[in-house]
Amino acid sequence: MLQHFSYKRLFENNQLPGWSISFFYKQTRYTGEYEADGTIKWIGDVPTDEETVKKMIHELMLFHVYD
């Protein structure tokens, strides 16, 4: 489960999509950039079970950003 998930726009212009994301997973902090097509560019470490984490991130982004 992701903890302390946060996101913010990369650009002030709302026409340009892209979000900076950060969260804790298994007591490790991860950061990345979430693009409009769902691509995640990790900044620093990549979670060992990356596909599971990506699914959780996509669900959160759909709920918070695209709802």
PDB file of N, CA and C in Angstrom:
ATOM      1  N   MET A   1       0.841  -1.184   0.000  1.00  0.00           N
ATOM      2  CA  MET A   1       0.000   0.000   0.000  1.00  0.00           C
ATOM      3  C   MET A   1       0.888   1.251   0.000  1.00  0.00           C
ATOM      4  N   LEU A   2       0.490   2.217  -0.784  1.00  0.00           N
ATOM      5  CA  LEU A   2       1.226   3.483  -0.838  1.00  0.00           C
ATOM      6  C   LEU A   2       0.796   4.361   0.334  1.00  0.00           C
ATOM      7  N   GLN A   3       1.755   5.043   0.920  1.00  0.00           N
ATOM      8  CA  GLN A   3       1.448   5.953   2.015  1.00  0.00           C
ATOM      9  C   GLN A   3       1.939   7.353   1.678  1.00  0.00           C
ATOM     10  N   HIS A   4       1.232   8.330   2.192  1.00  0.00           N
ATOM     11  CA  HIS A   4       1.589   9.749   2.022  1.00  0.00           C
ATOM     12  C   HIS A   4       1.749  10.107   0.538  1.00  0.00           C
ATOM     13  N   PHE A   5       0.825   9.632  -0.283  1.00  0.00           N
ATOM     14  CA  PHE A   5       0.863   9.921  -1.715  1.00  0.00           C
ATOM     15  C   PHE A   5       0.536  11.390  -1.950  1.00  0.00           C
ATOM     16  N   SER A   6       1.375  12.066  -2.724  1.00  0.00           N
ATOM     17  CA  SER A   6       1.093  13.462  -3.074  1.00  0.00           C
ATOM     18  C   SER A   6       1.458  13.695  -4.532  1.00  0.00           C
ATOM     19  N   TYR A   7       0.798  14.675  -5.116  1.00  0.00           N
ATOM     20  CA  TYR A   7       1.057  15.029  -6.513  1.00  0.00           C
ATOM     21  C   TYR A   7       0.880  16.526  -6.685  1.00  0.00           C
ATOM     22  N   LYS A   8       1.565  17.077  -7.672  1.00  0.00           N
ATOM     23  CA  LYS A   8       1.358  18.478  -8.029  1.00  0.00           C
ATOM     24  C   LYS A   8       1.713  18.646  -9.504  1.00  0.00           C
ATOM     25  N   ARG A   9       1.121  19.634 -10.107  1.00  0.00           N
ATOM     26  CA  ARG A   9       1.355  19.886 -11.536  1.00  0.00           C
ATOM     27  C   ARG A   9       2.806  20.271 -11.791  1.00  0.00           C
ATOM     28  N   LEU A  10       3.327  19.804 -12.916  1.00  0.00           N
ATOM     29  CA  LEU A  10       4.688  20.168 -13.299  1.00  0.00           C
ATOM     30  C   LEU A  10       4.734  21.564 -13.909  1.00  0.00           C
ATOM     31  N   PHE A  11       3.612  21.978 -14.507  1.00  0.00           N
ATOM     32  CA  PHE A  11       3.558  23.261 -15.207  1.00  0.00           C
ATOM     33  C   PHE A  11       2.402  24.101 -14.682  1.00  0.00           C
ATOM     34  N   GLU A  12       2.602  25.389 -14.605  1.00  0.00           N
ATOM     35  CA  GLU A  12       1.537  26.284 -14.149  1.00  0.00           C
ATOM     36  C   GLU A  12       0.400  26.345 -15.161  1.00  0.00           C
ATOM     37  N   ASN A  13       0.726  26.191 -16.434  1.00  0.00           N
ATOM     38  CA  ASN A  13      -0.275  26.206 -17.488  1.00  0.00           C
ATOM     39  C   ASN A  13      -1.056  24.893 -17.426  1.00  0.00           C
ATOM     40  N   ASN A  14      -2.329  24.963 -17.072  1.00  0.00           N
ATOM     41  CA  ASN A  14      -3.142  23.748 -16.936  1.00  0.00           C
ATOM     42  C   ASN A  14      -3.336  23.014 -18.256  1.00  0.00           C
ATOM     43  N   GLN A  15      -2.997  23.631 -19.370  1.00  0.00           N
ATOM     44  CA  GLN A  15      -3.118  22.992 -20.672  1.00  0.00           C
ATOM     45  C   GLN A  15      -2.045  21.914 -20.854  1.00  0.00           C
ATOM     46  N   LEU A  16      -0.915  22.050 -20.157  1.00  0.00           N
ATOM     47  CA  LEU A  16       0.179  21.092 -20.274  1.00  0.00           C
ATOM     48  C   LEU A  16       0.057  20.040 -19.179  1.00  0.00           C
ATOM     49  N   PRO A  17      -0.139  18.780 -19.553  1.00  0.00           N
ATOM     50  CA  PRO A  17      -0.280  17.740 -18.534  1.00  0.00           C
ATOM     51  C   PRO A  17       1.072  17.285 -17.982  1.00  0.00           C
ATOM     52  N   GLY A  18       1.037  16.754 -16.811  1.00  0.00           N
ATOM     53  CA  GLY A  18       2.233  16.217 -16.168  1.00  0.00           C
ATOM     54  C   GLY A  18       2.207  16.549 -14.693  1.00  0.00           C
ATOM     55  N   TRP A  19       2.554  15.566 -13.866  1.00  0.00           N
ATOM     56  CA  TRP A  19       2.501  15.750 -12.423  1.00  0.00           C
ATOM     57  C   TRP A  19       3.743  15.174 -11.772  1.00  0.00           C
ATOM     58  N   SER A  20       4.186  15.822 -10.743  1.00  0.00           N
ATOM     59  CA  SER A  20       5.256  15.306  -9.901  1.00  0.00           C
ATOM     60  C   SER A  20       4.571  14.483  -8.810  1.00  0.00           C
ATOM     61  N   ILE A  21       5.045  13.260  -8.581  1.00  0.00           N
ATOM     62  CA  ILE A  21       4.440  12.403  -7.567  1.00  0.00           C
ATOM     63  C   ILE A  21       5.487  11.977  -6.546  1.00  0.00           C
ATOM     64  N   SER A  22       5.043  11.736  -5.342  1.00  0.00           N
ATOM     65  CA  SER A  22       5.925  11.185  -4.310  1.00  0.00           C
ATOM     66  C   SER A  22       5.075  10.385  -3.336  1.00  0.00           C
ATOM     67  N   PHE A  23       5.690   9.381  -2.742  1.00  0.00           N
ATOM     68  CA  PHE A  23       4.983   8.503  -1.816  1.00  0.00           C
ATOM     69  C   PHE A  23       5.992   7.605  -1.108  1.00  0.00           C
ATOM     70  N   PHE A  24       5.510   6.930  -0.071  1.00  0.00           N
ATOM     71  CA  PHE A  24       6.296   5.924   0.628  1.00  0.00           C
ATOM     72  C   PHE A  24       5.699   4.564   0.308  1.00  0.00           C
ATOM     73  N   TYR A  25       6.568   3.595   0.063  1.00  0.00           N
ATOM     74  CA  TYR A  25       6.149   2.221  -0.191  1.00  0.00           C
ATOM     75  C   TYR A  25       7.167   1.303   0.464  1.00  0.00           C
ATOM     76  N   LYS A  26       6.694   0.464   1.366  1.00  0.00           N
ATOM     77  CA  LYS A  26       7.564  -0.432   2.129  1.00  0.00           C
ATOM     78  C   LYS A  26       8.696   0.339   2.803  1.00  0.00           C
ATOM     79  N   GLN A  27       8.323   1.431   3.448  1.00  0.00           N
ATOM     80  CA  GLN A  27       9.224   2.288   4.227  1.00  0.00           C
ATOM     81  C   GLN A  27      10.324   2.961   3.408  1.00  0.00           C
ATOM     82  N   THR A  28      10.128   3.071   2.108  1.00  0.00           N
ATOM     83  CA  THR A  28      11.080   3.754   1.235  1.00  0.00           C
ATOM     84  C   THR A  28      10.339   4.852   0.479  1.00  0.00           C
ATOM     85  N   ARG A  29      10.963   6.014   0.364  1.00  0.00           N
ATOM     86  CA  ARG A  29      10.354   7.140  -0.359  1.00  0.00           C
ATOM     87  C   ARG A  29      10.714   7.055  -1.833  1.00  0.00           C
ATOM     88  N   TYR A  30       9.704   7.237  -2.691  1.00  0.00           N
ATOM     89  CA  TYR A  30       9.897   7.219  -4.136  1.00  0.00           C
ATOM     90  C   TYR A  30       9.337   8.505  -4.725  1.00  0.00           C
ATOM     91  N   THR A  31       9.965   8.980  -5.781  1.00  0.00           N
ATOM     92  CA  THR A  31       9.477  10.155  -6.504  1.00  0.00           C
ATOM     93  C   THR A  31       9.538   9.872  -7.991  1.00  0.00           C
ATOM     94  N   GLY A  32       8.714  10.606  -8.720  1.00  0.00           N
ATOM     95  CA  GLY A  32       8.712  10.435 -10.165  1.00  0.00           C
ATOM     96  C   GLY A  32       7.845  11.481 -10.827  1.00  0.00           C
ATOM     97  N   GLU A  33       7.745  11.360 -12.131  1.00  0.00           N
ATOM     98  CA  GLU A  33       6.882  12.238 -12.922  1.00  0.00           C
ATOM     99  C   GLU A  33       5.856  11.373 -13.634  1.00  0.00           C
ATOM    100  N   TYR A  34       4.601  11.737 -13.451  1.00  0.00           N
ATOM    101  CA  TYR A  34       3.489  11.023 -14.060  1.00  0.00           C
ATOM    102  C   TYR A  34       3.043  11.820 -15.270  1.00  0.00           C
ATOM    103  N   GLU A  35       3.108  11.211 -16.441  1.00  0.00           N
ATOM    104  CA  GLU A  35       2.734  11.907 -17.675  1.00  0.00           C
ATOM    105  C   GLU A  35       1.288  11.600 -18.046  1.00  0.00           C
ATOM    106  N   ALA A  36       0.720  12.391 -18.935  1.00  0.00           N
ATOM    107  CA  ALA A  36      -0.689  12.279 -19.305  1.00  0.00           C
ATOM    108  C   ALA A  36      -1.050  10.909 -19.876  1.00  0.00           C
ATOM    109  N   ASP A  37      -0.107  10.241 -20.512  1.00  0.00           N
ATOM    110  CA  ASP A  37      -0.390   8.918 -21.078  1.00  0.00           C
ATOM    111  C   ASP A  37      -0.212   7.799 -20.060  1.00  0.00           C
ATOM    112  N   GLY A  38       0.077   8.145 -18.798  1.00  0.00           N
ATOM    113  CA  GLY A  38       0.233   7.155 -17.745  1.00  0.00           C
ATOM    114  C   GLY A  38       1.655   6.673 -17.548  1.00  0.00           C
ATOM    115  N   THR A  39       2.569   7.181 -18.347  1.00  0.00           N
ATOM    116  CA  THR A  39       3.970   6.813 -18.205  1.00  0.00           C
ATOM    117  C   THR A  39       4.525   7.426 -16.923  1.00  0.00           C
ATOM    118  N   ILE A  40       5.331   6.655 -16.216  1.00  0.00           N
ATOM    119  CA  ILE A  40       5.970   7.155 -15.003  1.00  0.00           C
ATOM    120  C   ILE A  40       7.475   7.146 -15.220  1.00  0.00           C
ATOM    121  N   LYS A  41       8.082   8.310 -15.042  1.00  0.00           N
ATOM    122  CA  LYS A  41       9.541   8.429 -15.099  1.00  0.00           C
ATOM    123  C   LYS A  41      10.026   8.544 -13.665  1.00  0.00           C
ATOM    124  N   TRP A  42      10.710   7.521 -13.207  1.00  0.00           N
ATOM    125  CA  TRP A  42      11.180   7.499 -11.828  1.00  0.00           C
ATOM    126  C   TRP A  42      12.359   8.430 -11.655  1.00  0.00           C
ATOM    127  N   ILE A  43      12.393   9.114 -10.532  1.00  0.00           N
ATOM    128  CA  ILE A  43      13.524   9.957 -10.160  1.00  0.00           C
ATOM    129  C   ILE A  43      14.182   9.257  -8.979  1.00  0.00           C
ATOM    130  N   GLY A  44      15.322   8.687  -9.226  1.00  0.00           N
ATOM    131  CA  GLY A  44      15.994   7.922  -8.168  1.00  0.00           C
ATOM    132  C   GLY A  44      15.635   6.453  -8.242  1.00  0.00           C
ATOM    133  N   ASP A  45      15.402   5.861  -7.079  1.00  0.00           N
ATOM    134  CA  ASP A  45      15.136   4.428  -6.987  1.00  0.00           C
ATOM    135  C   ASP A  45      13.823   4.035  -7.655  1.00  0.00           C
ATOM    136  N   VAL A  46      13.799   2.798  -8.164  1.00  0.00           N
ATOM    137  CA  VAL A  46      12.599   2.215  -8.756  1.00  0.00           C
ATOM    138  C   VAL A  46      12.138   1.086  -7.823  1.00  0.00           C
ATOM    139  N   PRO A  47      10.835   1.036  -7.509  1.00  0.00           N
ATOM    140  CA  PRO A  47      10.358  -0.044  -6.637  1.00  0.00           C
ATOM    141  C   PRO A  47      10.653  -1.422  -7.234  1.00  0.00           C
ATOM    142  N   THR A  48      10.959  -2.392  -6.379  1.00  0.00           N
ATOM    143  CA  THR A  48      11.276  -3.732  -6.871  1.00  0.00           C
ATOM    144  C   THR A  48      10.075  -4.381  -7.556  1.00  0.00           C
ATOM    145  N   ASP A  49       8.873  -4.152  -7.048  1.00  0.00           N
ATOM    146  CA  ASP A  49       7.662  -4.663  -7.697  1.00  0.00           C
ATOM    147  C   ASP A  49       6.957  -3.502  -8.416  1.00  0.00           C
ATOM    148  N   GLU A  50       7.651  -2.972  -9.403  1.00  0.00           N
ATOM    149  CA  GLU A  50       7.242  -1.759 -10.110  1.00  0.00           C
ATOM    150  C   GLU A  50       5.840  -1.852 -10.708  1.00  0.00           C
ATOM    151  N   GLU A  51       5.486  -2.966 -11.303  1.00  0.00           N
ATOM    152  CA  GLU A  51       4.171  -3.082 -11.950  1.00  0.00           C
ATOM    153  C   GLU A  51       3.035  -2.965 -10.938  1.00  0.00           C
ATOM    154  N   THR A  52       3.195  -3.549  -9.781  1.00  0.00           N
ATOM    155  CA  THR A  52       2.177  -3.446  -8.721  1.00  0.00           C
ATOM    156  C   THR A  52       2.032  -1.997  -8.276  1.00  0.00           C
ATOM    157  N   VAL A  53       3.150  -1.315  -8.093  1.00  0.00           N
ATOM    158  CA  VAL A  53       3.138   0.088  -7.661  1.00  0.00           C
ATOM    159  C   VAL A  53       2.502   0.965  -8.738  1.00  0.00           C
ATOM    160  N   LYS A  54       2.819   0.707 -10.001  1.00  0.00           N
ATOM    161  CA  LYS A  54       2.232   1.495 -11.098  1.00  0.00           C
ATOM    162  C   LYS A  54       0.717   1.383 -11.094  1.00  0.00           C
ATOM    163  N   LYS A  55       0.188   0.192 -10.867  1.00  0.00           N
ATOM    164  CA  LYS A  55      -1.266   0.008 -10.833  1.00  0.00           C
ATOM    165  C   LYS A  55      -1.896   0.840  -9.727  1.00  0.00           C
ATOM    166  N   MET A  56      -1.254   0.857  -8.554  1.00  0.00           N
ATOM    167  CA  MET A  56      -1.778   1.651  -7.439  1.00  0.00           C
ATOM    168  C   MET A  56      -1.731   3.141  -7.764  1.00  0.00           C
ATOM    169  N   ILE A  57      -0.650   3.584  -8.406  1.00  0.00           N
ATOM    170  CA  ILE A  57      -0.518   4.998  -8.774  1.00  0.00           C
ATOM    171  C   ILE A  57      -1.581   5.383  -9.797  1.00  0.00           C
ATOM    172  N   HIS A  58      -1.797   4.536 -10.805  1.00  0.00           N
ATOM    173  CA  HIS A  58      -2.806   4.823 -11.827  1.00  0.00           C
ATOM    174  C   HIS A  58      -4.193   4.969 -11.185  1.00  0.00           C
ATOM    175  N   GLU A  59      -4.515   4.099 -10.248  1.00  0.00           N
ATOM    176  CA  GLU A  59      -5.814   4.186  -9.573  1.00  0.00           C
ATOM    177  C   GLU A  59      -5.946   5.499  -8.800  1.00  0.00           C
ATOM    178  N   LEU A  60      -4.895   5.884  -8.090  1.00  0.00           N
ATOM    179  CA  LEU A  60      -4.940   7.135  -7.333  1.00  0.00           C
ATOM    180  C   LEU A  60      -5.049   8.344  -8.249  1.00  0.00           C
ATOM    181  N   MET A  61      -4.303   8.337  -9.338  1.00  0.00           N
ATOM    182  CA  MET A  61      -4.353   9.473 -10.266  1.00  0.00           C
ATOM    183  C   MET A  61      -5.725   9.571 -10.928  1.00  0.00           C
ATOM    184  N   LEU A  62      -6.318   8.430 -11.282  1.00  0.00           N
ATOM    185  CA  LEU A  62      -7.661   8.462 -11.862  1.00  0.00           C
ATOM    186  C   LEU A  62      -8.655   9.054 -10.872  1.00  0.00           C
ATOM    187  N   PHE A  63      -8.525   8.705  -9.614  1.00  0.00           N
ATOM    188  CA  PHE A  63      -9.432   9.201  -8.593  1.00  0.00           C
ATOM    189  C   PHE A  63      -9.241  10.685  -8.324  1.00  0.00           C
ATOM    190  N   HIS A  64      -7.997  11.132  -8.203  1.00  0.00           N
ATOM    191  CA  HIS A  64      -7.709  12.510  -7.796  1.00  0.00           C
ATOM    192  C   HIS A  64      -7.650  13.510  -8.952  1.00  0.00           C
ATOM    193  N   VAL A  65      -7.125  13.109 -10.084  1.00  0.00           N
ATOM    194  CA  VAL A  65      -6.891  14.057 -11.176  1.00  0.00           C
ATOM    195  C   VAL A  65      -7.962  13.985 -12.246  1.00  0.00           C
ATOM    196  N   TYR A  66      -8.335  12.802 -12.653  1.00  0.00           N
ATOM    197  CA  TYR A  66      -9.224  12.658 -13.794  1.00  0.00           C
ATOM    198  C   TYR A  66     -10.685  12.528 -13.414  1.00  0.00           C
ATOM    199  N   ASP A  67     -11.005  12.542 -12.141  1.00  0.00           N
ATOM    200  CA  ASP A  67     -12.395  12.389 -11.713  1.00  0.00           C
ATOM    201  C   ASP A  67     -13.146  13.686 -11.853  1.00  0.00           C
TER     202      ASP A  67
END
